[in-house]
Amino acid sequence: MDIEAWLSELKRAWSSHDIDALLSLFAEDVEYWETPHKQLMSFEDIRSEWQGVTSQKDIQITTTVYASIDDKHTIIWDLQYVDPGNVKRVWSGTYLITLNNNGLCIYFHHTGEKL
């Protein structure tokens, strides 16, 4: 799977609240950073982190592949959604992603900021 296909599946799974499909994009031994200082240490930690998207409505995600070298990719992303209190939330940030030969993410580093 190339990075564009991987991102497309990420957006589809996120928008449909399909946590299992989201997790299927990651290798079991992925090095996963939710923020520059918060590393998730297990697959269950990653599952717990992603459970938060199930309360998001009207999700709109855009991604731009900023740079790619071999299996390493820098992605710029923008996110809008409506939270459970019906407040529109807007975020923007970057992903650093490394995919293995099977198209699974083995390194994921997320940075983002609420706008």
C-alpha atoms as a PDB file:
ATOM      1  CA  MET A   1       0.000   0.000   0.000  1.00  0.00           C
ATOM      2  CA  ASP A   2       1.387   3.404  -0.910  1.00  0.00           C
ATOM      3  CA  ILE A   3       1.067   6.432   1.361  1.00  0.00           C
ATOM      4  CA  GLU A   4      -1.876   7.945  -0.548  1.00  0.00           C
ATOM      5  CA  ALA A   5      -3.839   4.695  -0.229  1.00  0.00           C
ATOM      6  CA  TRP A   6      -2.856   4.444   3.449  1.00  0.00           C
ATOM      7  CA  LEU A   7      -4.076   8.001   4.111  1.00  0.00           C
ATOM      8  CA  SER A   8      -7.287   7.364   2.193  1.00  0.00           C
ATOM      9  CA  GLU A   9      -8.015   4.330   4.357  1.00  0.00           C
ATOM     10  CA  LEU A  10      -7.154   6.300   7.517  1.00  0.00           C
ATOM     11  CA  LYS A  11      -9.654   9.024   6.556  1.00  0.00           C
ATOM     12  CA  ARG A  12     -12.346   6.481   5.632  1.00  0.00           C
ATOM     13  CA  ALA A  13     -11.960   4.567   8.885  1.00  0.00           C
ATOM     14  CA  TRP A  14     -11.824   7.751  10.982  1.00  0.00           C
ATOM     15  CA  SER A  15     -14.902   9.272   9.345  1.00  0.00           C
ATOM     16  CA  SER A  16     -16.887   6.063   9.811  1.00  0.00           C
ATOM     17  CA  HIS A  17     -15.669   5.548  13.410  1.00  0.00           C
ATOM     18  CA  ASP A  18     -14.218   2.154  12.445  1.00  0.00           C
ATOM     19  CA  ILE A  19     -11.543   1.730  15.106  1.00  0.00           C
ATOM     20  CA  ASP A  20     -10.652  -1.810  14.002  1.00  0.00           C
ATOM     21  CA  ALA A  21     -10.035  -0.587  10.437  1.00  0.00           C
ATOM     22  CA  LEU A  22      -7.875   2.239  11.819  1.00  0.00           C
ATOM     23  CA  LEU A  23      -5.828  -0.189  13.859  1.00  0.00           C
ATOM     24  CA  SER A  24      -5.383  -2.503  10.881  1.00  0.00           C
ATOM     25  CA  LEU A  25      -3.216   0.223   9.308  1.00  0.00           C
ATOM     26  CA  PHE A  26      -0.590  -0.137  12.049  1.00  0.00           C
ATOM     27  CA  ALA A  27       1.893  -2.935  12.697  1.00  0.00           C
ATOM     28  CA  GLU A  28       1.516  -4.517  16.138  1.00  0.00           C
ATOM     29  CA  ASP A  29       4.978  -3.236  17.110  1.00  0.00           C
ATOM     30  CA  VAL A  30       4.519   0.310  15.776  1.00  0.00           C
ATOM     31  CA  GLU A  31       6.435   3.110  17.484  1.00  0.00           C
ATOM     32  CA  TYR A  32       3.543   5.516  18.036  1.00  0.00           C
ATOM     33  CA  TRP A  33       3.844   9.081  19.318  1.00  0.00           C
ATOM     34  CA  GLU A  34       0.542  10.862  19.945  1.00  0.00           C
ATOM     35  CA  THR A  35       2.397  14.088  20.699  1.00  0.00           C
ATOM     36  CA  PRO A  36       6.098  14.873  20.726  1.00  0.00           C
ATOM     37  CA  HIS A  37       6.156  13.849  24.396  1.00  0.00           C
ATOM     38  CA  LYS A  38       3.460  11.149  24.666  1.00  0.00           C
ATOM     39  CA  GLN A  39       4.437   7.745  23.362  1.00  0.00           C
ATOM     40  CA  LEU A  40       1.717   5.105  23.348  1.00  0.00           C
ATOM     41  CA  MET A  41       3.315   1.911  24.573  1.00  0.00           C
ATOM     42  CA  SER A  42       0.880  -0.789  23.460  1.00  0.00           C
ATOM     43  CA  PHE A  43      -1.667  -1.556  20.790  1.00  0.00           C
ATOM     44  CA  GLU A  44      -4.374  -1.241  23.457  1.00  0.00           C
ATOM     45  CA  ASP A  45      -3.100   2.277  24.272  1.00  0.00           C
ATOM     46  CA  ILE A  46      -3.482   3.156  20.594  1.00  0.00           C
ATOM     47  CA  ARG A  47      -7.008   1.679  20.566  1.00  0.00           C
ATOM     48  CA  SER A  48      -7.928   3.731  23.650  1.00  0.00           C
ATOM     49  CA  GLU A  49      -6.553   6.921  22.086  1.00  0.00           C
ATOM     50  CA  TRP A  50      -8.577   6.424  18.899  1.00  0.00           C
ATOM     51  CA  GLN A  51     -11.824   5.721  20.800  1.00  0.00           C
ATOM     52  CA  GLY A  52     -12.147   9.497  21.139  1.00  0.00           C
ATOM     53  CA  VAL A  53     -13.042   9.841  17.459  1.00  0.00           C
ATOM     54  CA  THR A  54     -16.280   7.901  17.984  1.00  0.00           C
ATOM     55  CA  SER A  55     -17.913  11.010  19.466  1.00  0.00           C
ATOM     56  CA  GLN A  56     -16.892  13.264  16.561  1.00  0.00           C
ATOM     57  CA  LYS A  57     -19.515  14.244  13.980  1.00  0.00           C
ATOM     58  CA  ASP A  58     -19.249  15.832  10.529  1.00  0.00           C
ATOM     59  CA  ILE A  59     -15.593  14.847  10.268  1.00  0.00           C
ATOM     60  CA  GLN A  60     -13.588  16.485   7.476  1.00  0.00           C
ATOM     61  CA  ILE A  61      -9.952  15.487   7.077  1.00  0.00           C
ATOM     62  CA  THR A  62      -7.558  16.699   4.417  1.00  0.00           C
ATOM     63  CA  THR A  63      -4.003  15.485   3.980  1.00  0.00           C
ATOM     64  CA  THR A  64      -1.123  16.606   1.825  1.00  0.00           C
ATOM     65  CA  VAL A  65       1.989  14.536   1.306  1.00  0.00           C
ATOM     66  CA  TYR A  66       4.637  17.173   1.901  1.00  0.00           C
ATOM     67  CA  ALA A  67       7.659  14.934   1.367  1.00  0.00           C
ATOM     68  CA  SER A  68       8.434  11.265   0.800  1.00  0.00           C
ATOM     69  CA  ILE A  69      11.747   9.478   0.758  1.00  0.00           C
ATOM     70  CA  ASP A  70      11.465   5.737   0.239  1.00  0.00           C
ATOM     71  CA  ASP A  71       9.152   4.482   3.004  1.00  0.00           C
ATOM     72  CA  LYS A  72       9.246   7.699   5.123  1.00  0.00           C
ATOM     73  CA  HIS A  73       6.587  10.370   4.666  1.00  0.00           C
ATOM     74  CA  THR A  74       5.790  13.808   6.051  1.00  0.00           C
ATOM     75  CA  ILE A  75       2.102  14.627   5.936  1.00  0.00           C
ATOM     76  CA  ILE A  76       0.351  17.935   6.572  1.00  0.00           C
ATOM     77  CA  TRP A  77      -3.197  17.437   7.832  1.00  0.00           C
ATOM     78  CA  ASP A  78      -6.233  19.553   8.640  1.00  0.00           C
ATOM     79  CA  LEU A  79      -9.220  18.340  10.621  1.00  0.00           C
ATOM     80  CA  GLN A  80     -12.657  19.759  11.339  1.00  0.00           C
ATOM     81  CA  TYR A  81     -15.390  18.046  13.324  1.00  0.00           C
ATOM     82  CA  VAL A  82     -18.283  18.765  15.645  1.00  0.00           C
ATOM     83  CA  ASP A  83     -17.755  17.622  19.237  1.00  0.00           C
ATOM     84  CA  PRO A  84     -20.430  16.121  21.541  1.00  0.00           C
ATOM     85  CA  GLY A  85     -21.372  19.629  22.730  1.00  0.00           C
ATOM     86  CA  ASN A  86     -22.078  20.630  19.102  1.00  0.00           C
ATOM     87  CA  VAL A  87     -18.994  22.858  19.015  1.00  0.00           C
ATOM     88  CA  LYS A  88     -17.006  22.951  15.775  1.00  0.00           C
ATOM     89  CA  ARG A  89     -13.359  22.029  16.350  1.00  0.00           C
ATOM     90  CA  VAL A  90     -10.538  22.811  13.927  1.00  0.00           C
ATOM     91  CA  TRP A  91      -7.055  21.284  14.146  1.00  0.00           C
ATOM     92  CA  SER A  92      -3.970  21.260  11.963  1.00  0.00           C
ATOM     93  CA  GLY A  93      -0.627  19.512  12.160  1.00  0.00           C
ATOM     94  CA  THR A  94       1.819  17.001  10.750  1.00  0.00           C
ATOM     95  CA  TYR A  95       2.298  13.254  10.708  1.00  0.00           C
ATOM     96  CA  LEU A  96       5.637  11.549  10.274  1.00  0.00           C
ATOM     97  CA  ILE A  97       4.884   8.073   8.945  1.00  0.00           C
ATOM     98  CA  THR A  98       7.039   5.103   7.999  1.00  0.00           C
ATOM     99  CA  LEU A  99       5.395   2.178   6.207  1.00  0.00           C
ATOM    100  CA  ASN A 100       6.828  -1.326   6.000  1.00  0.00           C
ATOM    101  CA  ASN A 101       6.855  -3.531   2.894  1.00  0.00           C
ATOM    102  CA  ASN A 102       3.320  -4.713   3.733  1.00  0.00           C
ATOM    103  CA  GLY A 103       1.979  -1.140   3.810  1.00  0.00           C
ATOM    104  CA  LEU A 104       1.595  -1.106   7.584  1.00  0.00           C
ATOM    105  CA  CYS A 105       2.707   1.844   9.646  1.00  0.00           C
ATOM    106  CA  ILE A 106       5.752   1.025  11.780  1.00  0.00           C
ATOM    107  CA  TYR A 107       6.453   4.604  12.906  1.00  0.00           C
ATOM    108  CA  PHE A 108       3.833   7.267  13.567  1.00  0.00           C
ATOM    109  CA  HIS A 109       4.569  10.680  15.058  1.00  0.00           C
ATOM    110  CA  HIS A 110       1.669  13.101  15.431  1.00  0.00           C
ATOM    111  CA  THR A 111       1.837  16.795  16.119  1.00  0.00           C
ATOM    112  CA  GLY A 112      -1.173  19.038  16.053  1.00  0.00           C
ATOM    113  CA  GLU A 113      -2.606  22.276  17.256  1.00  0.00           C
ATOM    114  CA  LYS A 114      -6.160  23.427  17.861  1.00  0.00           C
ATOM    115  CA  LEU A 115      -6.868  26.494  15.732  1.00  0.00           C
END
